[in-house]
Each structure stands twice: as C-alpha cells, then as structure tokens.
Amino acid sequence: MSLGDFVRYLRAIKGGPDFWTVEEATGVPGRTLREIEQRYRRVGESEEDLQKLADYYAVPVDELTWRREKWRKLLSEALYTAQTEDRSIRLILRDGPTFEGRVLWWDLGATELDLLDGGERLVVQRHAVDDWDLV
C-alpha cells in the first residue's frame, strides 16, 4: 500500500478529520497532506513531517517511511509485468493474508488472480494490498 493510501486509511479510521484539522494538530501543511494522499508516485515528504503524522495517527514512523517506496504506479507496473510475462505475483493484504497467483486482469481498482494453490480465482481490491512482489 502506498504512503498516500495508508495515510488516507489512517485518517479514515481516526474518524475522517479534514486536512485543516490534521494540519492544526500536526503542523504539517495541508498542501503537503494533500500531496501525500493524492500522488501516485513518491513525493518529497520530510522525515519530520512523517514523524508528526506517525505521532498523530499513533503508528510507528517506520509504517510510513517504508511505504514511500511502494507508490501506486509501482503496483500497476508489477501487475502489468506479471501479466505480460506470465509470472506469478504475491499480494500481501493489509489484514494479513497472502495470495500468490497469475494475474488474469487488473485495473486501477482491483485485480483477479488465478491462485497457485488450488486453481481458484480471487478478486483483490488494490486498496487492500499492503505489499507485493513478483515471484
């Protein structure tokens, strides 16, 4: 899951405070908050801003920093590569399960896998994917 998707998720489970509320509580400018949540590629967020957001959302700062390198377009690239090269992909979901299989189709909202362990098919919504790797 990208940093933007994760921060948006954290904001939602905190009750959906608007950017002004988060800015007031953290000192992180609203413009920076919007950029983090809405960009599909890595943005220039500072370590200090990430620490402030981690404190506000009560998560370890590592939960934010490692996600900077997992922006959304990289997942698209991995799904495309898996499909066009007929490779398997492993999807690790936010709530723990891991699925591995061949990509049957994908778009900006979901992907369908032909699972390797039993021939079942599974549709996974992209916002649930926490991490991934090509196998």
Protein backbone atom coordinates (compact mmCIF):
# COMPACT_ATOMS: atom_id res chain seq x y z
CA MET A 1 0.00 0.00 0.00
CA SER A 2 1.39 3.35 -0.93
CA LEU A 3 2.13 6.00 1.66
CA GLY A 4 -0.80 8.04 0.34
CA ASP A 5 -3.24 5.15 0.56
CA PHE A 6 -2.04 4.29 4.07
CA VAL A 7 -2.29 7.86 5.34
CA ARG A 8 -5.78 8.13 3.83
CA TYR A 9 -6.68 4.84 5.59
CA LEU A 10 -5.32 6.14 8.92
CA ARG A 11 -7.29 9.35 8.52
CA ALA A 12 -10.46 7.35 7.85
CA ILE A 13 -10.09 5.13 10.91
CA LYS A 14 -9.45 8.25 13.01
CA GLY A 15 -12.92 9.47 12.02
CA GLY A 16 -12.07 11.33 8.83
CA PRO A 17 -10.67 14.63 10.09
CA ASP A 18 -10.25 17.17 7.30
CA PHE A 19 -6.83 18.44 6.22
CA TRP A 20 -7.20 21.63 8.28
CA THR A 21 -7.76 19.62 11.46
CA VAL A 22 -4.74 17.42 10.75
CA GLU A 23 -2.64 20.47 9.87
CA GLU A 24 -3.64 22.21 13.09
CA ALA A 25 -2.81 19.13 15.18
CA THR A 26 0.49 18.28 13.47
CA GLY A 27 1.87 21.43 11.88
CA VAL A 28 2.15 19.56 8.57
CA PRO A 29 0.81 21.93 5.87
CA GLY A 30 -2.50 20.93 4.29
CA ARG A 31 -0.88 21.13 0.85
CA THR A 32 1.68 18.50 1.91
CA LEU A 33 -1.10 16.30 3.31
CA ARG A 34 -3.00 16.50 0.01
CA GLU A 35 0.14 15.71 -1.98
CA ILE A 36 0.89 12.67 0.17
CA GLU A 37 -2.64 11.31 -0.17
CA GLN A 38 -3.26 12.10 -3.81
CA ARG A 39 0.04 11.46 -5.61
CA TYR A 40 0.55 8.23 -7.48
CA ARG A 41 4.32 8.46 -7.19
CA ARG A 42 6.83 9.27 -4.45
CA VAL A 43 6.58 12.83 -3.15
CA GLY A 44 9.14 14.88 -1.24
CA GLU A 45 7.77 14.47 2.25
CA SER A 46 10.27 15.16 5.03
CA GLU A 47 11.24 12.81 7.84
CA GLU A 48 9.98 15.44 10.27
CA ASP A 49 6.53 15.57 8.62
CA LEU A 50 6.30 11.78 8.63
CA GLN A 51 7.21 11.67 12.32
CA LYS A 52 4.50 14.23 13.10
CA LEU A 53 1.93 12.20 11.16
CA ALA A 54 3.04 8.98 12.83
CA ASP A 55 2.60 10.61 16.24
CA TYR A 56 -0.82 11.96 15.28
CA TYR A 57 -2.05 8.61 13.98
CA ALA A 58 -0.28 6.66 16.76
CA VAL A 59 1.71 4.38 14.46
CA PRO A 60 5.45 3.72 14.29
CA VAL A 61 7.14 6.09 11.83
CA ASP A 62 8.54 3.00 10.05
CA GLU A 63 4.96 2.20 8.98
CA LEU A 64 5.06 5.42 6.96
CA THR A 65 8.66 5.55 5.78
CA TRP A 66 8.85 2.13 4.09
CA ARG A 67 5.69 2.91 2.15
CA ARG A 68 7.32 5.86 0.37
CA GLU A 69 8.95 3.36 -1.98
CA LYS A 70 5.66 1.49 -2.64
CA TRP A 71 3.77 4.14 -4.59
CA ARG A 72 0.70 3.08 -6.58
CA LYS A 73 2.27 3.14 -10.02
CA LEU A 74 4.77 0.50 -8.89
CA LEU A 75 1.91 -1.88 -8.11
CA SER A 76 0.49 -1.20 -11.58
CA GLU A 77 3.90 -1.91 -13.05
CA ALA A 78 4.21 -5.18 -11.09
CA LEU A 79 0.72 -6.33 -12.15
CA TYR A 80 1.47 -5.46 -15.77
CA THR A 81 4.80 -7.30 -15.67
CA ALA A 82 3.27 -10.35 -14.02
CA GLN A 83 0.53 -10.50 -16.63
CA THR A 84 2.60 -9.83 -19.75
CA GLU A 85 5.50 -12.10 -18.71
CA ASP A 86 3.14 -14.80 -17.38
CA ARG A 87 4.75 -14.63 -13.94
CA SER A 88 3.20 -15.08 -10.54
CA ILE A 89 2.74 -12.22 -8.12
CA ARG A 90 2.42 -12.41 -4.35
CA LEU A 91 -0.03 -9.95 -2.80
CA ILE A 92 0.18 -9.33 0.93
CA LEU A 93 -3.03 -7.82 2.26
CA ARG A 94 -3.28 -5.20 4.99
CA ASP A 95 -5.09 -7.56 7.36
CA GLY A 96 -2.55 -10.38 6.97
CA PRO A 97 -3.46 -12.92 4.27
CA THR A 98 -1.07 -13.52 1.40
CA PHE A 99 -2.14 -14.74 -2.03
CA GLU A 100 0.00 -15.86 -4.92
CA GLY A 101 -1.09 -16.44 -8.47
CA ARG A 102 -1.20 -15.41 -12.10
CA VAL A 103 -2.78 -12.07 -13.00
CA LEU A 104 -5.88 -12.63 -15.14
CA TRP A 105 -6.76 -8.93 -15.37
CA TRP A 106 -6.16 -5.72 -13.46
CA ASP A 107 -7.26 -2.11 -13.45
CA LEU A 108 -6.88 0.84 -11.10
CA GLY A 109 -9.35 -0.63 -8.61
CA ALA A 110 -8.76 -4.38 -8.47
CA THR A 111 -7.05 -7.42 -9.92
CA GLU A 112 -8.08 -11.03 -10.42
CA LEU A 113 -5.63 -13.81 -9.64
CA ASP A 114 -5.66 -17.42 -10.70
CA LEU A 115 -4.34 -18.80 -7.40
CA LEU A 116 -1.45 -21.24 -7.50
CA ASP A 117 -2.64 -23.31 -4.54
CA GLY A 118 -5.74 -24.95 -5.89
CA GLY A 119 -6.80 -23.29 -9.11
CA GLU A 120 -9.32 -20.92 -7.53
CA ARG A 121 -9.76 -17.37 -8.71
CA LEU A 122 -9.75 -14.37 -6.41
CA VAL A 123 -10.51 -10.70 -6.98
CA VAL A 124 -8.46 -8.38 -4.76
CA GLN A 125 -9.20 -4.70 -4.36
CA ARG A 126 -6.00 -2.72 -4.72
CA HIS A 127 -6.53 -0.62 -1.60
CA ALA A 128 -6.28 -3.84 0.46
CA VAL A 129 -2.81 -4.70 -0.90
CA ASP A 130 -0.19 -3.78 1.67
CA ASP A 131 2.83 -5.12 -0.18
CA TRP A 132 3.69 -7.26 -3.20
CA ASP A 133 6.47 -8.96 -5.06
CA LEU A 134 6.93 -10.81 -8.32
CA VAL A 135 7.68 -14.49 -7.88
